[in-house]
Amino acid sequence: DWSMFLITSYEDAEKYIGRRADKN
């Protein structure tokens, strides 16, 4: 039940994290 917030310029971040962000 954690939340995660990350700032990055890496375009494929969501792809490799394995889940689309709730907000971007």
PDBML (XML) file of the C-alpha atoms, coordinates in Angstrom:
<?xml version="1.0" encoding="UTF-8" ?>
<PDBx:datablock datablockName="MODEL"
   xmlns:PDBx="http://pdbml.pdb.org/schema/pdbx-v50.xsd"
   xmlns:xsi="http://www.w3.org/2001/XMLSchema-instance"
   xsi:schemaLocation="http://pdbml.pdb.org/schema/pdbx-v50.xsd pdbx-v50.xsd">
   <PDBx:atom_siteCategory>
      <PDBx:atom_site id="1">
         <PDBx:B_iso_or_equiv>0.00</PDBx:B_iso_or_equiv>
         <PDBx:Cartn_x>0.000</PDBx:Cartn_x>
         <PDBx:Cartn_y>0.000</PDBx:Cartn_y>
         <PDBx:Cartn_z>0.000</PDBx:Cartn_z>
         <PDBx:auth_asym_id>A</PDBx:auth_asym_id>
         <PDBx:auth_atom_id>CA</PDBx:auth_atom_id>
         <PDBx:auth_comp_id>ASP</PDBx:auth_comp_id>
         <PDBx:auth_seq_id>1</PDBx:auth_seq_id>
         <PDBx:group_PDB>ATOM</PDBx:group_PDB>
         <PDBx:label_alt_id xsi:nil="true" />
         <PDBx:label_asym_id>A</PDBx:label_asym_id>
         <PDBx:label_atom_id>CA</PDBx:label_atom_id>
         <PDBx:label_comp_id>ASP</PDBx:label_comp_id>
         <PDBx:label_entity_id>1</PDBx:label_entity_id>
         <PDBx:label_seq_id>1</PDBx:label_seq_id>
         <PDBx:occupancy>1.00</PDBx:occupancy>
         <PDBx:pdbx_PDB_model_num>1</PDBx:pdbx_PDB_model_num>
         <PDBx:type_symbol>C</PDBx:type_symbol>
      </PDBx:atom_site>
      <PDBx:atom_site id="2">
         <PDBx:B_iso_or_equiv>0.00</PDBx:B_iso_or_equiv>
         <PDBx:Cartn_x>2.864</PDBx:Cartn_x>
         <PDBx:Cartn_y>2.425</PDBx:Cartn_y>
         <PDBx:Cartn_z>-0.692</PDBx:Cartn_z>
         <PDBx:auth_asym_id>A</PDBx:auth_asym_id>
         <PDBx:auth_atom_id>CA</PDBx:auth_atom_id>
         <PDBx:auth_comp_id>TRP</PDBx:auth_comp_id>
         <PDBx:auth_seq_id>2</PDBx:auth_seq_id>
         <PDBx:group_PDB>ATOM</PDBx:group_PDB>
         <PDBx:label_alt_id xsi:nil="true" />
         <PDBx:label_asym_id>A</PDBx:label_asym_id>
         <PDBx:label_atom_id>CA</PDBx:label_atom_id>
         <PDBx:label_comp_id>TRP</PDBx:label_comp_id>
         <PDBx:label_entity_id>1</PDBx:label_entity_id>
         <PDBx:label_seq_id>2</PDBx:label_seq_id>
         <PDBx:occupancy>1.00</PDBx:occupancy>
         <PDBx:pdbx_PDB_model_num>1</PDBx:pdbx_PDB_model_num>
         <PDBx:type_symbol>C</PDBx:type_symbol>
      </PDBx:atom_site>
      <PDBx:atom_site id="3">
         <PDBx:B_iso_or_equiv>0.00</PDBx:B_iso_or_equiv>
         <PDBx:Cartn_x>2.795</PDBx:Cartn_x>
         <PDBx:Cartn_y>5.412</PDBx:Cartn_y>
         <PDBx:Cartn_z>-3.029</PDBx:Cartn_z>
         <PDBx:auth_asym_id>A</PDBx:auth_asym_id>
         <PDBx:auth_atom_id>CA</PDBx:auth_atom_id>
         <PDBx:auth_comp_id>SER</PDBx:auth_comp_id>
         <PDBx:auth_seq_id>3</PDBx:auth_seq_id>
         <PDBx:group_PDB>ATOM</PDBx:group_PDB>
         <PDBx:label_alt_id xsi:nil="true" />
         <PDBx:label_asym_id>A</PDBx:label_asym_id>
         <PDBx:label_atom_id>CA</PDBx:label_atom_id>
         <PDBx:label_comp_id>SER</PDBx:label_comp_id>
         <PDBx:label_entity_id>1</PDBx:label_entity_id>
         <PDBx:label_seq_id>3</PDBx:label_seq_id>
         <PDBx:occupancy>1.00</PDBx:occupancy>
         <PDBx:pdbx_PDB_model_num>1</PDBx:pdbx_PDB_model_num>
         <PDBx:type_symbol>C</PDBx:type_symbol>
      </PDBx:atom_site>
      <PDBx:atom_site id="4">
         <PDBx:B_iso_or_equiv>0.00</PDBx:B_iso_or_equiv>
         <PDBx:Cartn_x>5.678</PDBx:Cartn_x>
         <PDBx:Cartn_y>6.216</PDBx:Cartn_y>
         <PDBx:Cartn_z>-5.393</PDBx:Cartn_z>
         <PDBx:auth_asym_id>A</PDBx:auth_asym_id>
         <PDBx:auth_atom_id>CA</PDBx:auth_atom_id>
         <PDBx:auth_comp_id>MET</PDBx:auth_comp_id>
         <PDBx:auth_seq_id>4</PDBx:auth_seq_id>
         <PDBx:group_PDB>ATOM</PDBx:group_PDB>
         <PDBx:label_alt_id xsi:nil="true" />
         <PDBx:label_asym_id>A</PDBx:label_asym_id>
         <PDBx:label_atom_id>CA</PDBx:label_atom_id>
         <PDBx:label_comp_id>MET</PDBx:label_comp_id>
         <PDBx:label_entity_id>1</PDBx:label_entity_id>
         <PDBx:label_seq_id>4</PDBx:label_seq_id>
         <PDBx:occupancy>1.00</PDBx:occupancy>
         <PDBx:pdbx_PDB_model_num>1</PDBx:pdbx_PDB_model_num>
         <PDBx:type_symbol>C</PDBx:type_symbol>
      </PDBx:atom_site>
      <PDBx:atom_site id="5">
         <PDBx:B_iso_or_equiv>0.00</PDBx:B_iso_or_equiv>
         <PDBx:Cartn_x>6.595</PDBx:Cartn_x>
         <PDBx:Cartn_y>9.519</PDBx:Cartn_y>
         <PDBx:Cartn_z>-7.003</PDBx:Cartn_z>
         <PDBx:auth_asym_id>A</PDBx:auth_asym_id>
         <PDBx:auth_atom_id>CA</PDBx:auth_atom_id>
         <PDBx:auth_comp_id>PHE</PDBx:auth_comp_id>
         <PDBx:auth_seq_id>5</PDBx:auth_seq_id>
         <PDBx:group_PDB>ATOM</PDBx:group_PDB>
         <PDBx:label_alt_id xsi:nil="true" />
         <PDBx:label_asym_id>A</PDBx:label_asym_id>
         <PDBx:label_atom_id>CA</PDBx:label_atom_id>
         <PDBx:label_comp_id>PHE</PDBx:label_comp_id>
         <PDBx:label_entity_id>1</PDBx:label_entity_id>
         <PDBx:label_seq_id>5</PDBx:label_seq_id>
         <PDBx:occupancy>1.00</PDBx:occupancy>
         <PDBx:pdbx_PDB_model_num>1</PDBx:pdbx_PDB_model_num>
         <PDBx:type_symbol>C</PDBx:type_symbol>
      </PDBx:atom_site>
      <PDBx:atom_site id="6">
         <PDBx:B_iso_or_equiv>0.00</PDBx:B_iso_or_equiv>
         <PDBx:Cartn_x>9.588</PDBx:Cartn_x>
         <PDBx:Cartn_y>9.829</PDBx:Cartn_y>
         <PDBx:Cartn_z>-9.295</PDBx:Cartn_z>
         <PDBx:auth_asym_id>A</PDBx:auth_asym_id>
         <PDBx:auth_atom_id>CA</PDBx:auth_atom_id>
         <PDBx:auth_comp_id>LEU</PDBx:auth_comp_id>
         <PDBx:auth_seq_id>6</PDBx:auth_seq_id>
         <PDBx:group_PDB>ATOM</PDBx:group_PDB>
         <PDBx:label_alt_id xsi:nil="true" />
         <PDBx:label_asym_id>A</PDBx:label_asym_id>
         <PDBx:label_atom_id>CA</PDBx:label_atom_id>
         <PDBx:label_comp_id>LEU</PDBx:label_comp_id>
         <PDBx:label_entity_id>1</PDBx:label_entity_id>
         <PDBx:label_seq_id>6</PDBx:label_seq_id>
         <PDBx:occupancy>1.00</PDBx:occupancy>
         <PDBx:pdbx_PDB_model_num>1</PDBx:pdbx_PDB_model_num>
         <PDBx:type_symbol>C</PDBx:type_symbol>
      </PDBx:atom_site>
      <PDBx:atom_site id="7">
         <PDBx:B_iso_or_equiv>0.00</PDBx:B_iso_or_equiv>
         <PDBx:Cartn_x>10.916</PDBx:Cartn_x>
         <PDBx:Cartn_y>12.516</PDBx:Cartn_y>
         <PDBx:Cartn_z>-11.600</PDBx:Cartn_z>
         <PDBx:auth_asym_id>A</PDBx:auth_asym_id>
         <PDBx:auth_atom_id>CA</PDBx:auth_atom_id>
         <PDBx:auth_comp_id>ILE</PDBx:auth_comp_id>
         <PDBx:auth_seq_id>7</PDBx:auth_seq_id>
         <PDBx:group_PDB>ATOM</PDBx:group_PDB>
         <PDBx:label_alt_id xsi:nil="true" />
         <PDBx:label_asym_id>A</PDBx:label_asym_id>
         <PDBx:label_atom_id>CA</PDBx:label_atom_id>
         <PDBx:label_comp_id>ILE</PDBx:label_comp_id>
         <PDBx:label_entity_id>1</PDBx:label_entity_id>
         <PDBx:label_seq_id>7</PDBx:label_seq_id>
         <PDBx:occupancy>1.00</PDBx:occupancy>
         <PDBx:pdbx_PDB_model_num>1</PDBx:pdbx_PDB_model_num>
         <PDBx:type_symbol>C</PDBx:type_symbol>
      </PDBx:atom_site>
      <PDBx:atom_site id="8">
         <PDBx:B_iso_or_equiv>0.00</PDBx:B_iso_or_equiv>
         <PDBx:Cartn_x>12.850</PDBx:Cartn_x>
         <PDBx:Cartn_y>11.352</PDBx:Cartn_y>
         <PDBx:Cartn_z>-14.638</PDBx:Cartn_z>
         <PDBx:auth_asym_id>A</PDBx:auth_asym_id>
         <PDBx:auth_atom_id>CA</PDBx:auth_atom_id>
         <PDBx:auth_comp_id>THR</PDBx:auth_comp_id>
         <PDBx:auth_seq_id>8</PDBx:auth_seq_id>
         <PDBx:group_PDB>ATOM</PDBx:group_PDB>
         <PDBx:label_alt_id xsi:nil="true" />
         <PDBx:label_asym_id>A</PDBx:label_asym_id>
         <PDBx:label_atom_id>CA</PDBx:label_atom_id>
         <PDBx:label_comp_id>THR</PDBx:label_comp_id>
         <PDBx:label_entity_id>1</PDBx:label_entity_id>
         <PDBx:label_seq_id>8</PDBx:label_seq_id>
         <PDBx:occupancy>1.00</PDBx:occupancy>
         <PDBx:pdbx_PDB_model_num>1</PDBx:pdbx_PDB_model_num>
         <PDBx:type_symbol>C</PDBx:type_symbol>
      </PDBx:atom_site>
      <PDBx:atom_site id="9">
         <PDBx:B_iso_or_equiv>0.00</PDBx:B_iso_or_equiv>
         <PDBx:Cartn_x>13.433</PDBx:Cartn_x>
         <PDBx:Cartn_y>12.244</PDBx:Cartn_y>
         <PDBx:Cartn_z>-18.272</PDBx:Cartn_z>
         <PDBx:auth_asym_id>A</PDBx:auth_asym_id>
         <PDBx:auth_atom_id>CA</PDBx:auth_atom_id>
         <PDBx:auth_comp_id>SER</PDBx:auth_comp_id>
         <PDBx:auth_seq_id>9</PDBx:auth_seq_id>
         <PDBx:group_PDB>ATOM</PDBx:group_PDB>
         <PDBx:label_alt_id xsi:nil="true" />
         <PDBx:label_asym_id>A</PDBx:label_asym_id>
         <PDBx:label_atom_id>CA</PDBx:label_atom_id>
         <PDBx:label_comp_id>SER</PDBx:label_comp_id>
         <PDBx:label_entity_id>1</PDBx:label_entity_id>
         <PDBx:label_seq_id>9</PDBx:label_seq_id>
         <PDBx:occupancy>1.00</PDBx:occupancy>
         <PDBx:pdbx_PDB_model_num>1</PDBx:pdbx_PDB_model_num>
         <PDBx:type_symbol>C</PDBx:type_symbol>
      </PDBx:atom_site>
      <PDBx:atom_site id="10">
         <PDBx:B_iso_or_equiv>0.00</PDBx:B_iso_or_equiv>
         <PDBx:Cartn_x>13.612</PDBx:Cartn_x>
         <PDBx:Cartn_y>8.541</PDBx:Cartn_y>
         <PDBx:Cartn_z>-19.185</PDBx:Cartn_z>
         <PDBx:auth_asym_id>A</PDBx:auth_asym_id>
         <PDBx:auth_atom_id>CA</PDBx:auth_atom_id>
         <PDBx:auth_comp_id>TYR</PDBx:auth_comp_id>
         <PDBx:auth_seq_id>10</PDBx:auth_seq_id>
         <PDBx:group_PDB>ATOM</PDBx:group_PDB>
         <PDBx:label_alt_id xsi:nil="true" />
         <PDBx:label_asym_id>A</PDBx:label_asym_id>
         <PDBx:label_atom_id>CA</PDBx:label_atom_id>
         <PDBx:label_comp_id>TYR</PDBx:label_comp_id>
         <PDBx:label_entity_id>1</PDBx:label_entity_id>
         <PDBx:label_seq_id>10</PDBx:label_seq_id>
         <PDBx:occupancy>1.00</PDBx:occupancy>
         <PDBx:pdbx_PDB_model_num>1</PDBx:pdbx_PDB_model_num>
         <PDBx:type_symbol>C</PDBx:type_symbol>
      </PDBx:atom_site>
      <PDBx:atom_site id="11">
         <PDBx:B_iso_or_equiv>0.00</PDBx:B_iso_or_equiv>
         <PDBx:Cartn_x>10.787</PDBx:Cartn_x>
         <PDBx:Cartn_y>8.061</PDBx:Cartn_y>
         <PDBx:Cartn_z>-21.694</PDBx:Cartn_z>
         <PDBx:auth_asym_id>A</PDBx:auth_asym_id>
         <PDBx:auth_atom_id>CA</PDBx:auth_atom_id>
         <PDBx:auth_comp_id>GLU</PDBx:auth_comp_id>
         <PDBx:auth_seq_id>11</PDBx:auth_seq_id>
         <PDBx:group_PDB>ATOM</PDBx:group_PDB>
         <PDBx:label_alt_id xsi:nil="true" />
         <PDBx:label_asym_id>A</PDBx:label_asym_id>
         <PDBx:label_atom_id>CA</PDBx:label_atom_id>
         <PDBx:label_comp_id>GLU</PDBx:label_comp_id>
         <PDBx:label_entity_id>1</PDBx:label_entity_id>
         <PDBx:label_seq_id>11</PDBx:label_seq_id>
         <PDBx:occupancy>1.00</PDBx:occupancy>
         <PDBx:pdbx_PDB_model_num>1</PDBx:pdbx_PDB_model_num>
         <PDBx:type_symbol>C</PDBx:type_symbol>
      </PDBx:atom_site>
      <PDBx:atom_site id="12">
         <PDBx:B_iso_or_equiv>0.00</PDBx:B_iso_or_equiv>
         <PDBx:Cartn_x>10.421</PDBx:Cartn_x>
         <PDBx:Cartn_y>4.298</PDBx:Cartn_y>
         <PDBx:Cartn_z>-21.052</PDBx:Cartn_z>
         <PDBx:auth_asym_id>A</PDBx:auth_asym_id>
         <PDBx:auth_atom_id>CA</PDBx:auth_atom_id>
         <PDBx:auth_comp_id>ASP</PDBx:auth_comp_id>
         <PDBx:auth_seq_id>12</PDBx:auth_seq_id>
         <PDBx:group_PDB>ATOM</PDBx:group_PDB>
         <PDBx:label_alt_id xsi:nil="true" />
         <PDBx:label_asym_id>A</PDBx:label_asym_id>
         <PDBx:label_atom_id>CA</PDBx:label_atom_id>
         <PDBx:label_comp_id>ASP</PDBx:label_comp_id>
         <PDBx:label_entity_id>1</PDBx:label_entity_id>
         <PDBx:label_seq_id>12</PDBx:label_seq_id>
         <PDBx:occupancy>1.00</PDBx:occupancy>
         <PDBx:pdbx_PDB_model_num>1</PDBx:pdbx_PDB_model_num>
         <PDBx:type_symbol>C</PDBx:type_symbol>
      </PDBx:atom_site>
      <PDBx:atom_site id="13">
         <PDBx:B_iso_or_equiv>0.00</PDBx:B_iso_or_equiv>
         <PDBx:Cartn_x>10.162</PDBx:Cartn_x>
         <PDBx:Cartn_y>4.554</PDBx:Cartn_y>
         <PDBx:Cartn_z>-17.268</PDBx:Cartn_z>
         <PDBx:auth_asym_id>A</PDBx:auth_asym_id>
         <PDBx:auth_atom_id>CA</PDBx:auth_atom_id>
         <PDBx:auth_comp_id>ALA</PDBx:auth_comp_id>
         <PDBx:auth_seq_id>13</PDBx:auth_seq_id>
         <PDBx:group_PDB>ATOM</PDBx:group_PDB>
         <PDBx:label_alt_id xsi:nil="true" />
         <PDBx:label_asym_id>A</PDBx:label_asym_id>
         <PDBx:label_atom_id>CA</PDBx:label_atom_id>
         <PDBx:label_comp_id>ALA</PDBx:label_comp_id>
         <PDBx:label_entity_id>1</PDBx:label_entity_id>
         <PDBx:label_seq_id>13</PDBx:label_seq_id>
         <PDBx:occupancy>1.00</PDBx:occupancy>
         <PDBx:pdbx_PDB_model_num>1</PDBx:pdbx_PDB_model_num>
         <PDBx:type_symbol>C</PDBx:type_symbol>
      </PDBx:atom_site>
      <PDBx:atom_site id="14">
         <PDBx:B_iso_or_equiv>0.00</PDBx:B_iso_or_equiv>
         <PDBx:Cartn_x>6.565</PDBx:Cartn_x>
         <PDBx:Cartn_y>3.268</PDBx:Cartn_y>
         <PDBx:Cartn_z>-17.058</PDBx:Cartn_z>
         <PDBx:auth_asym_id>A</PDBx:auth_asym_id>
         <PDBx:auth_atom_id>CA</PDBx:auth_atom_id>
         <PDBx:auth_comp_id>GLU</PDBx:auth_comp_id>
         <PDBx:auth_seq_id>14</PDBx:auth_seq_id>
         <PDBx:group_PDB>ATOM</PDBx:group_PDB>
         <PDBx:label_alt_id xsi:nil="true" />
         <PDBx:label_asym_id>A</PDBx:label_asym_id>
         <PDBx:label_atom_id>CA</PDBx:label_atom_id>
         <PDBx:label_comp_id>GLU</PDBx:label_comp_id>
         <PDBx:label_entity_id>1</PDBx:label_entity_id>
         <PDBx:label_seq_id>14</PDBx:label_seq_id>
         <PDBx:occupancy>1.00</PDBx:occupancy>
         <PDBx:pdbx_PDB_model_num>1</PDBx:pdbx_PDB_model_num>
         <PDBx:type_symbol>C</PDBx:type_symbol>
      </PDBx:atom_site>
      <PDBx:atom_site id="15">
         <PDBx:B_iso_or_equiv>0.00</PDBx:B_iso_or_equiv>
         <PDBx:Cartn_x>7.288</PDBx:Cartn_x>
         <PDBx:Cartn_y>0.417</PDBx:Cartn_y>
         <PDBx:Cartn_z>-19.494</PDBx:Cartn_z>
         <PDBx:auth_asym_id>A</PDBx:auth_asym_id>
         <PDBx:auth_atom_id>CA</PDBx:auth_atom_id>
         <PDBx:auth_comp_id>LYS</PDBx:auth_comp_id>
         <PDBx:auth_seq_id>15</PDBx:auth_seq_id>
         <PDBx:group_PDB>ATOM</PDBx:group_PDB>
         <PDBx:label_alt_id xsi:nil="true" />
         <PDBx:label_asym_id>A</PDBx:label_asym_id>
         <PDBx:label_atom_id>CA</PDBx:label_atom_id>
         <PDBx:label_comp_id>LYS</PDBx:label_comp_id>
         <PDBx:label_entity_id>1</PDBx:label_entity_id>
         <PDBx:label_seq_id>15</PDBx:label_seq_id>
         <PDBx:occupancy>1.00</PDBx:occupancy>
         <PDBx:pdbx_PDB_model_num>1</PDBx:pdbx_PDB_model_num>
         <PDBx:type_symbol>C</PDBx:type_symbol>
      </PDBx:atom_site>
      <PDBx:atom_site id="16">
         <PDBx:B_iso_or_equiv>0.00</PDBx:B_iso_or_equiv>
         <PDBx:Cartn_x>10.047</PDBx:Cartn_x>
         <PDBx:Cartn_y>-1.046</PDBx:Cartn_y>
         <PDBx:Cartn_z>-17.339</PDBx:Cartn_z>
         <PDBx:auth_asym_id>A</PDBx:auth_asym_id>
         <PDBx:auth_atom_id>CA</PDBx:auth_atom_id>
         <PDBx:auth_comp_id>TYR</PDBx:auth_comp_id>
         <PDBx:auth_seq_id>16</PDBx:auth_seq_id>
         <PDBx:group_PDB>ATOM</PDBx:group_PDB>
         <PDBx:label_alt_id xsi:nil="true" />
         <PDBx:label_asym_id>A</PDBx:label_asym_id>
         <PDBx:label_atom_id>CA</PDBx:label_atom_id>
         <PDBx:label_comp_id>TYR</PDBx:label_comp_id>
         <PDBx:label_entity_id>1</PDBx:label_entity_id>
         <PDBx:label_seq_id>16</PDBx:label_seq_id>
         <PDBx:occupancy>1.00</PDBx:occupancy>
         <PDBx:pdbx_PDB_model_num>1</PDBx:pdbx_PDB_model_num>
         <PDBx:type_symbol>C</PDBx:type_symbol>
      </PDBx:atom_site>
      <PDBx:atom_site id="17">
         <PDBx:B_iso_or_equiv>0.00</PDBx:B_iso_or_equiv>
         <PDBx:Cartn_x>8.453</PDBx:Cartn_x>
         <PDBx:Cartn_y>-0.218</PDBx:Cartn_y>
         <PDBx:Cartn_z>-13.990</PDBx:Cartn_z>
         <PDBx:auth_asym_id>A</PDBx:auth_asym_id>
         <PDBx:auth_atom_id>CA</PDBx:auth_atom_id>
         <PDBx:auth_comp_id>ILE</PDBx:auth_comp_id>
         <PDBx:auth_seq_id>17</PDBx:auth_seq_id>
         <PDBx:group_PDB>ATOM</PDBx:group_PDB>
         <PDBx:label_alt_id xsi:nil="true" />
         <PDBx:label_asym_id>A</PDBx:label_asym_id>
         <PDBx:label_atom_id>CA</PDBx:label_atom_id>
         <PDBx:label_comp_id>ILE</PDBx:label_comp_id>
         <PDBx:label_entity_id>1</PDBx:label_entity_id>
         <PDBx:label_seq_id>17</PDBx:label_seq_id>
         <PDBx:occupancy>1.00</PDBx:occupancy>
         <PDBx:pdbx_PDB_model_num>1</PDBx:pdbx_PDB_model_num>
         <PDBx:type_symbol>C</PDBx:type_symbol>
      </PDBx:atom_site>
      <PDBx:atom_site id="18">
         <PDBx:B_iso_or_equiv>0.00</PDBx:B_iso_or_equiv>
         <PDBx:Cartn_x>5.667</PDBx:Cartn_x>
         <PDBx:Cartn_y>-2.449</PDBx:Cartn_y>
         <PDBx:Cartn_z>-15.311</PDBx:Cartn_z>
         <PDBx:auth_asym_id>A</PDBx:auth_asym_id>
         <PDBx:auth_atom_id>CA</PDBx:auth_atom_id>
         <PDBx:auth_comp_id>GLY</PDBx:auth_comp_id>
         <PDBx:auth_seq_id>18</PDBx:auth_seq_id>
         <PDBx:group_PDB>ATOM</PDBx:group_PDB>
         <PDBx:label_alt_id xsi:nil="true" />
         <PDBx:label_asym_id>A</PDBx:label_asym_id>
         <PDBx:label_atom_id>CA</PDBx:label_atom_id>
         <PDBx:label_comp_id>GLY</PDBx:label_comp_id>
         <PDBx:label_entity_id>1</PDBx:label_entity_id>
         <PDBx:label_seq_id>18</PDBx:label_seq_id>
         <PDBx:occupancy>1.00</PDBx:occupancy>
         <PDBx:pdbx_PDB_model_num>1</PDBx:pdbx_PDB_model_num>
         <PDBx:type_symbol>C</PDBx:type_symbol>
      </PDBx:atom_site>
      <PDBx:atom_site id="19">
         <PDBx:B_iso_or_equiv>0.00</PDBx:B_iso_or_equiv>
         <PDBx:Cartn_x>2.707</PDBx:Cartn_x>
         <PDBx:Cartn_y>-0.210</PDBx:Cartn_y>
         <PDBx:Cartn_z>-14.595</PDBx:Cartn_z>
         <PDBx:auth_asym_id>A</PDBx:auth_asym_id>
         <PDBx:auth_atom_id>CA</PDBx:auth_atom_id>
         <PDBx:auth_comp_id>ARG</PDBx:auth_comp_id>
         <PDBx:auth_seq_id>19</PDBx:auth_seq_id>
         <PDBx:group_PDB>ATOM</PDBx:group_PDB>
         <PDBx:label_alt_id xsi:nil="true" />
         <PDBx:label_asym_id>A</PDBx:label_asym_id>
         <PDBx:label_atom_id>CA</PDBx:label_atom_id>
         <PDBx:label_comp_id>ARG</PDBx:label_comp_id>
         <PDBx:label_entity_id>1</PDBx:label_entity_id>
         <PDBx:label_seq_id>19</PDBx:label_seq_id>
         <PDBx:occupancy>1.00</PDBx:occupancy>
         <PDBx:pdbx_PDB_model_num>1</PDBx:pdbx_PDB_model_num>
         <PDBx:type_symbol>C</PDBx:type_symbol>
      </PDBx:atom_site>
      <PDBx:atom_site id="20">
         <PDBx:B_iso_or_equiv>0.00</PDBx:B_iso_or_equiv>
         <PDBx:Cartn_x>1.307</PDBx:Cartn_x>
         <PDBx:Cartn_y>3.010</PDBx:Cartn_y>
         <PDBx:Cartn_z>-15.941</PDBx:Cartn_z>
         <PDBx:auth_asym_id>A</PDBx:auth_asym_id>
         <PDBx:auth_atom_id>CA</PDBx:auth_atom_id>
         <PDBx:auth_comp_id>ARG</PDBx:auth_comp_id>
         <PDBx:auth_seq_id>20</PDBx:auth_seq_id>
         <PDBx:group_PDB>ATOM</PDBx:group_PDB>
         <PDBx:label_alt_id xsi:nil="true" />
         <PDBx:label_asym_id>A</PDBx:label_asym_id>
         <PDBx:label_atom_id>CA</PDBx:label_atom_id>
         <PDBx:label_comp_id>ARG</PDBx:label_comp_id>
         <PDBx:label_entity_id>1</PDBx:label_entity_id>
         <PDBx:label_seq_id>20</PDBx:label_seq_id>
         <PDBx:occupancy>1.00</PDBx:occupancy>
         <PDBx:pdbx_PDB_model_num>1</PDBx:pdbx_PDB_model_num>
         <PDBx:type_symbol>C</PDBx:type_symbol>
      </PDBx:atom_site>
      <PDBx:atom_site id="21">
         <PDBx:B_iso_or_equiv>0.00</PDBx:B_iso_or_equiv>
         <PDBx:Cartn_x>1.413</PDBx:Cartn_x>
         <PDBx:Cartn_y>5.887</PDBx:Cartn_y>
         <PDBx:Cartn_z>-13.484</PDBx:Cartn_z>
         <PDBx:auth_asym_id>A</PDBx:auth_asym_id>
         <PDBx:auth_atom_id>CA</PDBx:auth_atom_id>
         <PDBx:auth_comp_id>ALA</PDBx:auth_comp_id>
         <PDBx:auth_seq_id>21</PDBx:auth_seq_id>
         <PDBx:group_PDB>ATOM</PDBx:group_PDB>
         <PDBx:label_alt_id xsi:nil="true" />
         <PDBx:label_asym_id>A</PDBx:label_asym_id>
         <PDBx:label_atom_id>CA</PDBx:label_atom_id>
         <PDBx:label_comp_id>ALA</PDBx:label_comp_id>
         <PDBx:label_entity_id>1</PDBx:label_entity_id>
         <PDBx:label_seq_id>21</PDBx:label_seq_id>
         <PDBx:occupancy>1.00</PDBx:occupancy>
         <PDBx:pdbx_PDB_model_num>1</PDBx:pdbx_PDB_model_num>
         <PDBx:type_symbol>C</PDBx:type_symbol>
      </PDBx:atom_site>
      <PDBx:atom_site id="22">
         <PDBx:B_iso_or_equiv>0.00</PDBx:B_iso_or_equiv>
         <PDBx:Cartn_x>-1.887</PDBx:Cartn_x>
         <PDBx:Cartn_y>7.082</PDBx:Cartn_y>
         <PDBx:Cartn_z>-12.034</PDBx:Cartn_z>
         <PDBx:auth_asym_id>A</PDBx:auth_asym_id>
         <PDBx:auth_atom_id>CA</PDBx:auth_atom_id>
         <PDBx:auth_comp_id>ASP</PDBx:auth_comp_id>
         <PDBx:auth_seq_id>22</PDBx:auth_seq_id>
         <PDBx:group_PDB>ATOM</PDBx:group_PDB>
         <PDBx:label_alt_id xsi:nil="true" />
         <PDBx:label_asym_id>A</PDBx:label_asym_id>
         <PDBx:label_atom_id>CA</PDBx:label_atom_id>
         <PDBx:label_comp_id>ASP</PDBx:label_comp_id>
         <PDBx:label_entity_id>1</PDBx:label_entity_id>
         <PDBx:label_seq_id>22</PDBx:label_seq_id>
         <PDBx:occupancy>1.00</PDBx:occupancy>
         <PDBx:pdbx_PDB_model_num>1</PDBx:pdbx_PDB_model_num>
         <PDBx:type_symbol>C</PDBx:type_symbol>
      </PDBx:atom_site>
      <PDBx:atom_site id="23">
         <PDBx:B_iso_or_equiv>0.00</PDBx:B_iso_or_equiv>
         <PDBx:Cartn_x>-0.816</PDBx:Cartn_x>
         <PDBx:Cartn_y>10.631</PDBx:Cartn_y>
         <PDBx:Cartn_z>-12.858</PDBx:Cartn_z>
         <PDBx:auth_asym_id>A</PDBx:auth_asym_id>
         <PDBx:auth_atom_id>CA</PDBx:auth_atom_id>
         <PDBx:auth_comp_id>LYS</PDBx:auth_comp_id>
         <PDBx:auth_seq_id>23</PDBx:auth_seq_id>
         <PDBx:group_PDB>ATOM</PDBx:group_PDB>
         <PDBx:label_alt_id xsi:nil="true" />
         <PDBx:label_asym_id>A</PDBx:label_asym_id>
         <PDBx:label_atom_id>CA</PDBx:label_atom_id>
         <PDBx:label_comp_id>LYS</PDBx:label_comp_id>
         <PDBx:label_entity_id>1</PDBx:label_entity_id>
         <PDBx:label_seq_id>23</PDBx:label_seq_id>
         <PDBx:occupancy>1.00</PDBx:occupancy>
         <PDBx:pdbx_PDB_model_num>1</PDBx:pdbx_PDB_model_num>
         <PDBx:type_symbol>C</PDBx:type_symbol>
      </PDBx:atom_site>
      <PDBx:atom_site id="24">
         <PDBx:B_iso_or_equiv>0.00</PDBx:B_iso_or_equiv>
         <PDBx:Cartn_x>1.971</PDBx:Cartn_x>
         <PDBx:Cartn_y>11.995</PDBx:Cartn_y>
         <PDBx:Cartn_z>-15.017</PDBx:Cartn_z>
         <PDBx:auth_asym_id>A</PDBx:auth_asym_id>
         <PDBx:auth_atom_id>CA</PDBx:auth_atom_id>
         <PDBx:auth_comp_id>ASN</PDBx:auth_comp_id>
         <PDBx:auth_seq_id>24</PDBx:auth_seq_id>
         <PDBx:group_PDB>ATOM</PDBx:group_PDB>
         <PDBx:label_alt_id xsi:nil="true" />
         <PDBx:label_asym_id>A</PDBx:label_asym_id>
         <PDBx:label_atom_id>CA</PDBx:label_atom_id>
         <PDBx:label_comp_id>ASN</PDBx:label_comp_id>
         <PDBx:label_entity_id>1</PDBx:label_entity_id>
         <PDBx:label_seq_id>24</PDBx:label_seq_id>
         <PDBx:occupancy>1.00</PDBx:occupancy>
         <PDBx:pdbx_PDB_model_num>1</PDBx:pdbx_PDB_model_num>
         <PDBx:type_symbol>C</PDBx:type_symbol>
      </PDBx:atom_site>
   </PDBx:atom_siteCategory>
</PDBx:datablock>
